[in-house]
Amino acid sequence: MSRQRAITDIAGIRVGQAQDEEALTGCTVVLCERGAVGGVDQRGGAPGTRETDALQPMHLVEKAHAVVLSGGSAFGLDAATGVVRFLEERKVGFDVRVARVPIVPAAILFDLGIGRADVRPDAAMGYQACLAASAEPPAEGNVGAGTGATVGKVFGMGQAMKSGIGTASLEIGAGVVIGAITAVNSFGDVVDPATGQILAGARSRRIGPLRLGSPGYFADTMEVMKTLVGRTSLGFASRGHTVIGVVATNANLGKDQANKVAQMAQDGIARAIRPAHTMLDGDTVFALATGEKRADVNIVGAFAAEVLAISILRAVQQARPAAGLPALLEA
């Protein structure tokens, strides 16, 4: 099997995306119509989610049929309604005898501060994303749920940078593959875990003639937070964040194990975003396991964190400038 380095490297996983490029918002749908054992882990203080309780080990359903990542804040949860309709039309869902009920968990990010706040992903956009779903590597950057994503907002949106959505995969031996897709809309800065270097984040207020990549261009959110200015600035940064993503694998996992993988995958956010999991973020990671290969959950979880971190880097590396905000591709 050739590697595409995308979440769609897992057989049975398809990704569809739709967006409004004028309003700078969109949604990303990860379809697993044959069903995949699902798990979820939510951290941070400002989540917006749908049907995450269904994925907890103590609850009835074992499998999800899609996961929706959406912009639009809480309004964007409506995109999942279109996904449910798409799946119901194809008779995909949990069999309750009188109908098949598609299990479609969802999470949103806040992108209302960029583009148009009165246009959000809705059921029609979710349905459109399903129609566009493919096993090909999904587009990255300013598409889908990453269309309005931004990073580095300790000084507010004016000093932020454009981010987006990214995907990656790793083969970890014995045919086991782990993939991730992540929409990166963080309060903190995105850093390269290998070097600690900031790749995209809050820009210094003293930029002047500095160009992206020049010393002093980045404010360094962690350093700013130590200062009186930083503590005052947190009021400007009190909304507009959250990293949402999906890790998928062809490993055979139970529901409790899928939840453990989602939990361990959150470490990828902590490695690539500084700071992570704040009260200003609502970071949510879903896990999907299609069940083809035997694998140790500890190994799967360890590499889930690795691949999620890579997808975060891809999200800022592939983003383009928008709404007056610079992006890494300018360098």
C-alpha atoms as a PDB file:
ATOM      1  CA  MET A   1       0.000   0.000   0.000  1.00  0.00           C
ATOM      2  CA  SER A   2       1.490   3.343  -1.040  1.00  0.00           C
ATOM      3  CA  ARG A   3       1.613   6.075   1.582  1.00  0.00           C
ATOM      4  CA  GLN A   4      -0.147   9.334   0.796  1.00  0.00           C
ATOM      5  CA  ARG A   5       0.788  10.777   4.199  1.00  0.00           C
ATOM      6  CA  ALA A   6      -2.835  11.592   4.970  1.00  0.00           C
ATOM      7  CA  ILE A   7      -5.613  10.301   7.204  1.00  0.00           C
ATOM      8  CA  THR A   8      -7.126   8.720   4.094  1.00  0.00           C
ATOM      9  CA  ASP A   9      -4.277   6.198   4.122  1.00  0.00           C
ATOM     10  CA  ILE A  10      -6.586   4.196   6.394  1.00  0.00           C
ATOM     11  CA  ALA A  11      -8.865   2.052   4.227  1.00  0.00           C
ATOM     12  CA  GLY A  12     -12.505   2.967   4.720  1.00  0.00           C
ATOM     13  CA  ILE A  13     -11.781   6.577   5.712  1.00  0.00           C
ATOM     14  CA  ARG A  14     -12.882   9.330   3.357  1.00  0.00           C
ATOM     15  CA  VAL A  15     -12.656  13.087   3.866  1.00  0.00           C
ATOM     16  CA  GLY A  16     -14.864  15.787   2.409  1.00  0.00           C
ATOM     17  CA  GLN A  17     -14.568  19.541   2.880  1.00  0.00           C
ATOM     18  CA  ALA A  18     -16.657  22.585   2.059  1.00  0.00           C
ATOM     19  CA  GLN A  19     -16.097  26.247   2.763  1.00  0.00           C
ATOM     20  CA  ASP A  20     -17.234  29.801   2.138  1.00  0.00           C
ATOM     21  CA  GLU A  21     -14.091  31.634   1.104  1.00  0.00           C
ATOM     22  CA  GLU A  22     -15.678  35.076   1.432  1.00  0.00           C
ATOM     23  CA  ALA A  23     -17.009  34.450   4.934  1.00  0.00           C
ATOM     24  CA  LEU A  24     -13.841  32.517   5.863  1.00  0.00           C
ATOM     25  CA  THR A  25     -15.510  29.523   7.449  1.00  0.00           C
ATOM     26  CA  GLY A  26     -16.082  25.891   6.553  1.00  0.00           C
ATOM     27  CA  CYS A  27     -16.370  22.296   7.697  1.00  0.00           C
ATOM     28  CA  THR A  28     -14.492  19.027   7.306  1.00  0.00           C
ATOM     29  CA  VAL A  29     -16.202  15.632   7.422  1.00  0.00           C
ATOM     30  CA  VAL A  30     -14.357  12.380   8.153  1.00  0.00           C
ATOM     31  CA  LEU A  31     -16.587   9.576   6.856  1.00  0.00           C
ATOM     32  CA  CYS A  32     -16.326   5.956   7.983  1.00  0.00           C
ATOM     33  CA  GLU A  33     -19.540   4.539   6.564  1.00  0.00           C
ATOM     34  CA  ARG A  34     -18.765   0.957   7.545  1.00  0.00           C
ATOM     35  CA  GLY A  35     -18.477   2.208  11.105  1.00  0.00           C
ATOM     36  CA  ALA A  36     -15.378   2.657  13.241  1.00  0.00           C
ATOM     37  CA  VAL A  37     -14.988   2.230  16.982  1.00  0.00           C
ATOM     38  CA  GLY A  38     -14.913   5.753  18.349  1.00  0.00           C
ATOM     39  CA  GLY A  39     -13.364   7.600  21.241  1.00  0.00           C
ATOM     40  CA  VAL A  40     -12.917  11.221  22.252  1.00  0.00           C
ATOM     41  CA  ASP A  41     -10.883  13.366  24.605  1.00  0.00           C
ATOM     42  CA  GLN A  42     -11.757  16.987  25.320  1.00  0.00           C
ATOM     43  CA  ARG A  43      -9.465  19.408  27.151  1.00  0.00           C
ATOM     44  CA  GLY A  44      -9.451  23.125  27.746  1.00  0.00           C
ATOM     45  CA  GLY A  45     -12.210  25.300  29.086  1.00  0.00           C
ATOM     46  CA  ALA A  46     -14.234  26.347  26.033  1.00  0.00           C
ATOM     47  CA  PRO A  47     -15.500  23.314  24.081  1.00  0.00           C
ATOM     48  CA  GLY A  48     -18.320  23.122  21.570  1.00  0.00           C
ATOM     49  CA  THR A  49     -19.306  19.529  20.812  1.00  0.00           C
ATOM     50  CA  ARG A  50     -22.105  17.179  19.773  1.00  0.00           C
ATOM     51  CA  GLU A  51     -22.615  13.488  20.622  1.00  0.00           C
ATOM     52  CA  THR A  52     -19.315  13.125  22.450  1.00  0.00           C
ATOM     53  CA  ASP A  53     -21.036  11.392  25.370  1.00  0.00           C
ATOM     54  CA  ALA A  54     -22.063   8.561  23.024  1.00  0.00           C
ATOM     55  CA  LEU A  55     -18.386   7.715  22.538  1.00  0.00           C
ATOM     56  CA  GLN A  56     -17.698   7.118  26.226  1.00  0.00           C
ATOM     57  CA  PRO A  57     -17.047   3.443  27.137  1.00  0.00           C
ATOM     58  CA  MET A  58     -20.045   3.113  29.454  1.00  0.00           C
ATOM     59  CA  HIS A  59     -22.536   4.001  26.696  1.00  0.00           C
ATOM     60  CA  LEU A  60     -24.383   1.824  24.197  1.00  0.00           C
ATOM     61  CA  VAL A  61     -23.081   2.520  20.709  1.00  0.00           C
ATOM     62  CA  GLU A  62     -19.649   1.224  19.766  1.00  0.00           C
ATOM     63  CA  LYS A  63     -19.122   2.825  16.382  1.00  0.00           C
ATOM     64  CA  ALA A  64     -19.316   6.224  14.760  1.00  0.00           C
ATOM     65  CA  HIS A  65     -20.114   6.697  11.076  1.00  0.00           C
ATOM     66  CA  ALA A  66     -18.601  10.158  10.642  1.00  0.00           C
ATOM     67  CA  VAL A  67     -16.942  12.951  12.588  1.00  0.00           C
ATOM     68  CA  VAL A  68     -17.529  16.606  11.769  1.00  0.00           C
ATOM     69  CA  LEU A  69     -14.979  19.369  12.378  1.00  0.00           C
ATOM     70  CA  SER A  70     -16.518  22.775  11.819  1.00  0.00           C
ATOM     71  CA  GLY A  71     -16.017  26.484  12.086  1.00  0.00           C
ATOM     72  CA  GLY A  72     -18.812  28.817  13.098  1.00  0.00           C
ATOM     73  CA  SER A  73     -18.638  28.385  16.873  1.00  0.00           C
ATOM     74  CA  ALA A  74     -21.746  26.697  18.329  1.00  0.00           C
ATOM     75  CA  PHE A  75     -23.695  27.610  15.191  1.00  0.00           C
ATOM     76  CA  GLY A  76     -21.402  25.325  13.191  1.00  0.00           C
ATOM     77  CA  LEU A  77     -22.652  22.220  14.982  1.00  0.00           C
ATOM     78  CA  ASP A  78     -25.568  22.391  12.536  1.00  0.00           C
ATOM     79  CA  ALA A  79     -23.231  21.033   9.840  1.00  0.00           C
ATOM     80  CA  ALA A  80     -23.543  17.601  11.467  1.00  0.00           C
ATOM     81  CA  THR A  81     -27.262  17.597  10.643  1.00  0.00           C
ATOM     82  CA  GLY A  82     -26.426  17.559   6.943  1.00  0.00           C
ATOM     83  CA  VAL A  83     -24.013  14.680   7.483  1.00  0.00           C
ATOM     84  CA  VAL A  84     -26.681  12.699   9.320  1.00  0.00           C
ATOM     85  CA  ARG A  85     -29.083  13.260   6.409  1.00  0.00           C
ATOM     86  CA  PHE A  86     -26.451  12.164   3.877  1.00  0.00           C
ATOM     87  CA  LEU A  87     -25.778   8.947   5.777  1.00  0.00           C
ATOM     88  CA  GLU A  88     -29.445   8.192   6.417  1.00  0.00           C
ATOM     89  CA  GLU A  89     -30.149   8.440   2.701  1.00  0.00           C
ATOM     90  CA  ARG A  90     -27.535   5.724   2.203  1.00  0.00           C
ATOM     91  CA  LYS A  91     -29.003   3.582   5.008  1.00  0.00           C
ATOM     92  CA  VAL A  92     -25.897   4.011   7.149  1.00  0.00           C
ATOM     93  CA  GLY A  93     -26.308   4.104  10.911  1.00  0.00           C
ATOM     94  CA  PHE A  94     -26.985   2.329  14.178  1.00  0.00           C
ATOM     95  CA  ASP A  95     -29.835  -0.122  13.634  1.00  0.00           C
ATOM     96  CA  VAL A  96     -32.796   0.655  15.934  1.00  0.00           C
ATOM     97  CA  ARG A  97     -35.138  -1.581  13.877  1.00  0.00           C
ATOM     98  CA  VAL A  98     -37.448   1.200  12.744  1.00  0.00           C
ATOM     99  CA  ALA A  99     -34.570   3.217  11.299  1.00  0.00           C
ATOM    100  CA  ARG A 100     -30.815   3.474  11.054  1.00  0.00           C
ATOM    101  CA  VAL A 101     -29.484   6.341  13.125  1.00  0.00           C
ATOM    102  CA  PRO A 102     -26.113   7.705  11.959  1.00  0.00           C
ATOM    103  CA  ILE A 103     -23.719   8.378  14.845  1.00  0.00           C
ATOM    104  CA  VAL A 104     -22.009  11.655  13.964  1.00  0.00           C
ATOM    105  CA  PRO A 105     -20.005  13.343  16.728  1.00  0.00           C
ATOM    106  CA  ALA A 106     -18.855  16.881  16.012  1.00  0.00           C
ATOM    107  CA  ALA A 107     -16.674  19.653  17.397  1.00  0.00           C
ATOM    108  CA  ILE A 108     -16.396  23.310  16.462  1.00  0.00           C
ATOM    109  CA  LEU A 109     -13.849  26.086  16.552  1.00  0.00           C
ATOM    110  CA  PHE A 110     -14.453  29.821  16.870  1.00  0.00           C
ATOM    111  CA  ASP A 111     -13.753  31.672  13.613  1.00  0.00           C
ATOM    112  CA  LEU A 112     -16.394  34.409  13.891  1.00  0.00           C
ATOM    113  CA  GLY A 113     -13.704  37.050  14.432  1.00  0.00           C
ATOM    114  CA  ILE A 114     -12.427  36.718  10.852  1.00  0.00           C
ATOM    115  CA  GLY A 115     -14.431  37.011   7.644  1.00  0.00           C
ATOM    116  CA  ARG A 116     -18.187  37.305   8.277  1.00  0.00           C
ATOM    117  CA  ALA A 117     -19.652  36.468  11.668  1.00  0.00           C
ATOM    118  CA  ASP A 118     -23.178  36.099  10.258  1.00  0.00           C
ATOM    119  CA  VAL A 119     -22.280  33.226   7.891  1.00  0.00           C
ATOM    120  CA  ARG A 120     -21.578  29.838   9.475  1.00  0.00           C
ATOM    121  CA  PRO A 121     -21.403  26.204   8.375  1.00  0.00           C
ATOM    122  CA  ASP A 122     -24.905  24.757   8.253  1.00  0.00           C
ATOM    123  CA  ALA A 123     -26.616  21.496   7.331  1.00  0.00           C
ATOM    124  CA  ALA A 124     -26.335  22.301   3.610  1.00  0.00           C
ATOM    125  CA  MET A 125     -22.580  22.801   3.904  1.00  0.00           C
ATOM    126  CA  GLY A 126     -22.208  19.552   5.869  1.00  0.00           C
ATOM    127  CA  TYR A 127     -24.115  17.700   3.145  1.00  0.00           C
ATOM    128  CA  GLN A 128     -21.961  19.358   0.467  1.00  0.00           C
ATOM    129  CA  ALA A 129     -18.814  18.222   2.262  1.00  0.00           C
ATOM    130  CA  CYS A 130     -20.117  14.635   2.215  1.00  0.00           C
ATOM    131  CA  LEU A 131     -20.743  14.836  -1.537  1.00  0.00           C
ATOM    132  CA  ALA A 132     -17.124  15.928  -1.957  1.00  0.00           C
ATOM    133  CA  ALA A 133     -15.729  13.107   0.216  1.00  0.00           C
ATOM    134  CA  SER A 134     -12.876  11.107  -1.265  1.00  0.00           C
ATOM    135  CA  ALA A 135     -10.191   8.615  -0.330  1.00  0.00           C
ATOM    136  CA  GLU A 136      -7.646  10.934  -1.958  1.00  0.00           C
ATOM    137  CA  PRO A 137      -5.428  13.059   0.297  1.00  0.00           C
ATOM    138  CA  PRO A 138      -7.541  16.002   1.461  1.00  0.00           C
ATOM    139  CA  ALA A 139      -6.527  19.569   0.684  1.00  0.00           C
ATOM    140  CA  GLU A 140      -4.705  21.403   3.466  1.00  0.00           C
ATOM    141  CA  GLY A 141      -4.457  24.994   4.619  1.00  0.00           C
ATOM    142  CA  ASN A 142      -7.359  27.401   4.095  1.00  0.00           C
ATOM    143  CA  VAL A 143     -10.031  24.785   3.432  1.00  0.00           C
ATOM    144  CA  GLY A 144     -12.794  23.072   5.368  1.00  0.00           C
ATOM    145  CA  ALA A 145     -12.707  23.692   9.097  1.00  0.00           C
ATOM    146  CA  GLY A 146      -9.353  25.449   8.633  1.00  0.00           C
ATOM    147  CA  THR A 147     -10.719  28.190   6.373  1.00  0.00           C
ATOM    148  CA  GLY A 148     -10.991  30.708   9.203  1.00  0.00           C
ATOM    149  CA  ALA A 149      -8.415  29.216  11.571  1.00  0.00           C
ATOM    150  CA  THR A 150      -5.859  31.509  13.191  1.00  0.00           C
ATOM    151  CA  VAL A 151      -3.124  31.132  15.815  1.00  0.00           C
ATOM    152  CA  GLY A 152      -1.275  33.273  18.345  1.00  0.00           C
ATOM    153  CA  LYS A 153      -3.947  35.561  19.789  1.00  0.00           C
ATOM    154  CA  VAL A 154      -2.542  36.759  23.115  1.00  0.00           C
ATOM    155  CA  PHE A 155      -2.678  40.340  21.710  1.00  0.00           C
ATOM    156  CA  GLY A 156      -5.978  39.741  19.927  1.00  0.00           C
ATOM    157  CA  MET A 157      -6.732  39.025  16.280  1.00  0.00           C
ATOM    158  CA  GLY A 158      -4.744  42.010  15.013  1.00  0.00           C
ATOM    159  CA  GLN A 159      -1.405  40.381  15.900  1.00  0.00           C
ATOM    160  CA  ALA A 160      -2.393  36.787  15.038  1.00  0.00           C
ATOM    161  CA  MET A 161      -1.378  34.684  12.036  1.00  0.00           C
ATOM    162  CA  LYS A 162      -3.362  32.608   9.585  1.00  0.00           C
ATOM    163  CA  SER A 163      -3.474  28.873  10.137  1.00  0.00           C
ATOM    164  CA  GLY A 164      -5.577  26.113   8.594  1.00  0.00           C
ATOM    165  CA  ILE A 165      -6.102  22.376   8.500  1.00  0.00           C
ATOM    166  CA  GLY A 166      -3.415  19.725   8.103  1.00  0.00           C
ATOM    167  CA  THR A 167      -3.194  15.968   7.723  1.00  0.00           C
ATOM    168  CA  ALA A 168      -0.519  13.301   8.136  1.00  0.00           C
ATOM    169  CA  SER A 169      -0.062   9.557   8.598  1.00  0.00           C
ATOM    170  CA  LEU A 170       2.523   7.095   9.868  1.00  0.00           C
ATOM    171  CA  GLU A 171       2.961   3.372   9.274  1.00  0.00           C
ATOM    172  CA  ILE A 172       4.241   1.859  12.507  1.00  0.00           C
ATOM    173  CA  GLY A 173       4.905  -1.731  11.465  1.00  0.00           C
ATOM    174  CA  ALA A 174       2.921  -4.915  10.777  1.00  0.00           C
ATOM    175  CA  GLY A 175       0.691  -2.931   8.433  1.00  0.00           C
ATOM    176  CA  VAL A 176      -0.681  -0.704  11.200  1.00  0.00           C
ATOM    177  CA  VAL A 177      -1.335   2.851  10.014  1.00  0.00           C
ATOM    178  CA  ILE A 178      -2.265   5.918  12.055  1.00  0.00           C
ATOM    179  CA  GLY A 179      -3.489   9.116  10.456  1.00  0.00           C
ATOM    180  CA  ALA A 180      -4.655  12.502  11.688  1.00  0.00           C
ATOM    181  CA  ILE A 181      -6.421  15.597  10.421  1.00  0.00           C
ATOM    182  CA  THR A 182      -6.426  18.732  12.553  1.00  0.00           C
ATOM    183  CA  ALA A 183      -7.901  22.218  12.302  1.00  0.00           C
ATOM    184  CA  VAL A 184      -5.539  24.512  14.211  1.00  0.00           C
ATOM    185  CA  ASN A 185      -7.156  27.576  15.754  1.00  0.00           C
ATOM    186  CA  SER A 186      -5.127  27.979  18.922  1.00  0.00           C
ATOM    187  CA  PHE A 187      -4.646  30.724  21.462  1.00  0.00           C
ATOM    188  CA  GLY A 188      -0.983  29.721  21.629  1.00  0.00           C
ATOM    189  CA  ASP A 189       1.897  29.620  19.166  1.00  0.00           C
ATOM    190  CA  VAL A 190       2.652  26.655  16.908  1.00  0.00           C
ATOM    191  CA  VAL A 191       6.189  25.387  17.484  1.00  0.00           C
ATOM    192  CA  ASP A 192       8.370  22.757  15.870  1.00  0.00           C
ATOM    193  CA  PRO A 193       8.686  20.061  18.571  1.00  0.00           C
ATOM    194  CA  ALA A 194      12.139  19.102  17.285  1.00  0.00           C
ATOM    195  CA  THR A 195      13.642  22.573  17.737  1.00  0.00           C
ATOM    196  CA  GLY A 196      11.225  24.578  19.897  1.00  0.00           C
ATOM    197  CA  GLN A 197      11.200  27.221  17.146  1.00  0.00           C
ATOM    198  CA  ILE A 198       7.964  29.164  16.694  1.00  0.00           C
ATOM    199  CA  LEU A 199       6.580  28.601  13.197  1.00  0.00           C
ATOM    200  CA  ALA A 200       3.413  30.691  13.502  1.00  0.00           C
ATOM    201  CA  GLY A 201       1.967  32.657  16.382  1.00  0.00           C
ATOM    202  CA  ALA A 202       1.490  36.013  18.037  1.00  0.00           C
ATOM    203  CA  ARG A 203       3.473  38.728  16.274  1.00  0.00           C
ATOM    204  CA  SER A 204       5.466  41.328  18.157  1.00  0.00           C
ATOM    205  CA  ARG A 205       3.877  44.742  18.480  1.00  0.00           C
ATOM    206  CA  ARG A 206       7.263  46.163  17.493  1.00  0.00           C
ATOM    207  CA  ILE A 207       7.358  44.520  14.077  1.00  0.00           C
ATOM    208  CA  GLY A 208       8.236  47.654  12.103  1.00  0.00           C
ATOM    209  CA  PRO A 209      10.187  46.546   9.023  1.00  0.00           C
ATOM    210  CA  LEU A 210      10.750  43.001  10.317  1.00  0.00           C
ATOM    211  CA  ARG A 211       9.872  40.200   7.935  1.00  0.00           C
ATOM    212  CA  LEU A 212       8.405  36.825   8.840  1.00  0.00           C
ATOM    213  CA  GLY A 213      11.263  34.665  10.078  1.00  0.00           C
ATOM    214  CA  SER A 214      13.353  37.588  11.306  1.00  0.00           C
ATOM    215  CA  PRO A 215      14.554  37.628  14.937  1.00  0.00           C
ATOM    216  CA  GLY A 216      12.007  39.461  17.076  1.00  0.00           C
ATOM    217  CA  TYR A 217       9.093  38.894  14.669  1.00  0.00           C
ATOM    218  CA  PHE A 218       7.266  36.632  17.119  1.00  0.00           C
ATOM    219  CA  ALA A 219       6.187  37.901  20.512  1.00  0.00           C
ATOM    220  CA  ASP A 220       6.438  34.403  22.096  1.00  0.00           C
ATOM    221  CA  THR A 221       3.142  33.916  23.913  1.00  0.00           C
ATOM    222  CA  MET A 222       4.733  32.117  26.859  1.00  0.00           C
ATOM    223  CA  GLU A 223       7.089  35.023  27.472  1.00  0.00           C
ATOM    224  CA  VAL A 224       4.295  37.573  27.053  1.00  0.00           C
ATOM    225  CA  MET A 225       2.174  35.765  29.647  1.00  0.00           C
ATOM    226  CA  LYS A 226       4.863  36.412  32.286  1.00  0.00           C
ATOM    227  CA  THR A 227       4.463  40.161  31.920  1.00  0.00           C
ATOM    228  CA  LEU A 228       1.918  42.709  33.101  1.00  0.00           C
ATOM    229  CA  VAL A 229       1.144  43.443  29.461  1.00  0.00           C
ATOM    230  CA  GLY A 230       0.465  39.765  28.907  1.00  0.00           C
ATOM    231  CA  ARG A 231      -1.848  39.456  31.871  1.00  0.00           C
ATOM    232  CA  THR A 232      -3.749  42.520  30.673  1.00  0.00           C
ATOM    233  CA  SER A 233      -3.866  41.203  27.106  1.00  0.00           C
ATOM    234  CA  LEU A 234      -5.662  38.003  28.116  1.00  0.00           C
ATOM    235  CA  GLY A 235      -8.893  40.003  28.082  1.00  0.00           C
ATOM    236  CA  PHE A 236      -8.440  40.650  24.363  1.00  0.00           C
ATOM    237  CA  ALA A 237      -7.772  36.955  23.794  1.00  0.00           C
ATOM    238  CA  SER A 238     -10.733  35.599  25.727  1.00  0.00           C
ATOM    239  CA  ARG A 239     -12.419  34.049  22.686  1.00  0.00           C
ATOM    240  CA  GLY A 240     -11.571  32.796  19.232  1.00  0.00           C
ATOM    241  CA  HIS A 241      -9.667  29.568  19.806  1.00  0.00           C
ATOM    242  CA  THR A 242      -9.743  25.720  19.874  1.00  0.00           C
ATOM    243  CA  VAL A 243      -7.865  22.918  18.114  1.00  0.00           C
ATOM    244  CA  ILE A 244     -10.075  20.101  16.826  1.00  0.00           C
ATOM    245  CA  GLY A 245      -8.940  16.918  15.139  1.00  0.00           C
ATOM    246  CA  VAL A 246      -9.403  13.252  14.350  1.00  0.00           C
ATOM    247  CA  VAL A 247      -6.874  10.435  14.645  1.00  0.00           C
ATOM    248  CA  ALA A 248      -7.772   7.262  12.780  1.00  0.00           C
ATOM    249  CA  THR A 249      -6.142   3.857  12.639  1.00  0.00           C
ATOM    250  CA  ASN A 250      -6.701   0.455  11.078  1.00  0.00           C
ATOM    251  CA  ALA A 251      -5.872  -1.128  14.447  1.00  0.00           C
ATOM    252  CA  ASN A 252      -8.416  -3.331  16.205  1.00  0.00           C
ATOM    253  CA  LEU A 253      -9.345  -1.381  19.332  1.00  0.00           C
ATOM    254  CA  GLY A 254     -12.189  -1.562  21.826  1.00  0.00           C
ATOM    255  CA  LYS A 255     -14.126   1.504  22.817  1.00  0.00           C
ATOM    256  CA  ASP A 256     -12.135   2.080  25.991  1.00  0.00           C
ATOM    257  CA  GLN A 257      -8.911   1.714  24.006  1.00  0.00           C
ATOM    258  CA  ALA A 258     -10.116   4.198  21.373  1.00  0.00           C
ATOM    259  CA  ASN A 259     -10.763   6.689  24.155  1.00  0.00           C
ATOM    260  CA  LYS A 260      -7.257   6.067  25.500  1.00  0.00           C
ATOM    261  CA  VAL A 261      -5.792   6.730  22.054  1.00  0.00           C
ATOM    262  CA  ALA A 262      -7.716  10.019  21.841  1.00  0.00           C
ATOM    263  CA  GLN A 263      -6.379  10.937  25.276  1.00  0.00           C
ATOM    264  CA  MET A 264      -2.786  10.134  24.358  1.00  0.00           C
ATOM    265  CA  ALA A 265      -3.136  11.946  21.035  1.00  0.00           C
ATOM    266  CA  GLN A 266      -3.775  15.181  22.935  1.00  0.00           C
ATOM    267  CA  ASP A 267      -0.071  15.102  23.794  1.00  0.00           C
ATOM    268  CA  GLY A 268       0.535  16.022  20.157  1.00  0.00           C
ATOM    269  CA  ILE A 269      -1.234  19.319  20.772  1.00  0.00           C
ATOM    270  CA  ALA A 270       0.937  19.965  23.838  1.00  0.00           C
ATOM    271  CA  ARG A 271       4.104  19.234  21.846  1.00  0.00           C
ATOM    272  CA  ALA A 272       3.267  21.506  18.917  1.00  0.00           C
ATOM    273  CA  ILE A 273       1.318  24.351  20.542  1.00  0.00           C
ATOM    274  CA  ARG A 274       2.548  26.542  23.372  1.00  0.00           C
ATOM    275  CA  PRO A 275       0.576  26.975  25.599  1.00  0.00           C
ATOM    276  CA  ALA A 276      -2.040  24.260  25.040  1.00  0.00           C
ATOM    277  CA  HIS A 277      -5.307  23.251  26.734  1.00  0.00           C
ATOM    278  CA  THR A 278      -5.946  26.648  28.316  1.00  0.00           C
ATOM    279  CA  MET A 279      -9.300  27.848  29.614  1.00  0.00           C
ATOM    280  CA  LEU A 280      -9.456  29.871  26.394  1.00  0.00           C
ATOM    281  CA  ASP A 281      -9.260  26.736  24.201  1.00  0.00           C
ATOM    282  CA  GLY A 282     -11.688  23.853  23.834  1.00  0.00           C
ATOM    283  CA  ASP A 283      -9.278  21.324  22.362  1.00  0.00           C
ATOM    284  CA  THR A 284     -11.081  18.146  21.260  1.00  0.00           C
ATOM    285  CA  VAL A 285      -9.592  15.036  19.631  1.00  0.00           C
ATOM    286  CA  PHE A 286     -11.606  12.114  18.261  1.00  0.00           C
ATOM    287  CA  ALA A 287     -10.241   8.627  17.629  1.00  0.00           C
ATOM    288  CA  LEU A 288     -11.550   6.149  15.055  1.00  0.00           C
ATOM    289  CA  ALA A 289     -10.423   2.511  14.775  1.00  0.00           C
ATOM    290  CA  THR A 290     -11.482   0.469  11.743  1.00  0.00           C
ATOM    291  CA  GLY A 291     -10.277  -2.832  13.216  1.00  0.00           C
ATOM    292  CA  GLU A 292      -8.251  -4.547  10.481  1.00  0.00           C
ATOM    293  CA  LYS A 293      -4.945  -5.023  12.308  1.00  0.00           C
ATOM    294  CA  ARG A 294      -3.912  -6.250  15.745  1.00  0.00           C
ATOM    295  CA  ALA A 295      -1.921  -3.697  17.677  1.00  0.00           C
ATOM    296  CA  ASP A 296      -0.972  -2.712  21.206  1.00  0.00           C
ATOM    297  CA  VAL A 297      -2.978   0.302  22.355  1.00  0.00           C
ATOM    298  CA  ASN A 298       0.115   1.812  24.013  1.00  0.00           C
ATOM    299  CA  ILE A 299       1.972   1.859  20.709  1.00  0.00           C
ATOM    300  CA  VAL A 300      -1.006   3.208  18.796  1.00  0.00           C
ATOM    301  CA  GLY A 301      -1.515   5.967  21.360  1.00  0.00           C
ATOM    302  CA  ALA A 302       2.147   6.928  21.403  1.00  0.00           C
ATOM    303  CA  PHE A 303       2.258   7.378  17.641  1.00  0.00           C
ATOM    304  CA  ALA A 304      -1.161   9.031  17.567  1.00  0.00           C
ATOM    305  CA  ALA A 305       0.433  11.916  19.464  1.00  0.00           C
ATOM    306  CA  GLU A 306       3.286  12.001  16.948  1.00  0.00           C
ATOM    307  CA  VAL A 307       1.058  12.071  13.881  1.00  0.00           C
ATOM    308  CA  LEU A 308      -1.279  14.662  15.407  1.00  0.00           C
ATOM    309  CA  ALA A 309       1.686  16.952  16.043  1.00  0.00           C
ATOM    310  CA  ILE A 310       2.790  16.540  12.425  1.00  0.00           C
ATOM    311  CA  SER A 311      -0.696  17.412  11.184  1.00  0.00           C
ATOM    312  CA  ILE A 312      -0.607  20.593  13.292  1.00  0.00           C
ATOM    313  CA  LEU A 313       2.648  21.641  11.639  1.00  0.00           C
ATOM    314  CA  ARG A 314       1.144  20.906   8.221  1.00  0.00           C
ATOM    315  CA  ALA A 315      -1.815  23.146   9.071  1.00  0.00           C
ATOM    316  CA  VAL A 316       0.386  26.233   9.447  1.00  0.00           C
ATOM    317  CA  GLN A 317       2.853  25.239   6.729  1.00  0.00           C
ATOM    318  CA  GLN A 318       0.063  25.036   4.132  1.00  0.00           C
ATOM    319  CA  ALA A 319      -1.992  28.045   5.240  1.00  0.00           C
ATOM    320  CA  ARG A 320      -2.215  31.135   3.043  1.00  0.00           C
ATOM    321  CA  PRO A 321      -2.588  34.769   4.126  1.00  0.00           C
ATOM    322  CA  ALA A 322      -6.193  35.932   4.547  1.00  0.00           C
ATOM    323  CA  ALA A 323      -8.123  38.862   6.022  1.00  0.00           C
ATOM    324  CA  GLY A 324      -4.918  40.851   6.327  1.00  0.00           C
ATOM    325  CA  LEU A 325      -3.215  38.185   8.456  1.00  0.00           C
ATOM    326  CA  PRO A 326       0.171  36.830   7.343  1.00  0.00           C
ATOM    327  CA  ALA A 327       0.914  33.125   6.990  1.00  0.00           C
ATOM    328  CA  LEU A 328       4.016  30.953   7.055  1.00  0.00           C
ATOM    329  CA  LEU A 329       3.895  30.518   3.268  1.00  0.00           C
ATOM    330  CA  GLU A 330       4.933  34.150   2.963  1.00  0.00           C
ATOM    331  CA  ALA A 331       8.433  33.277   4.211  1.00  0.00           C
END
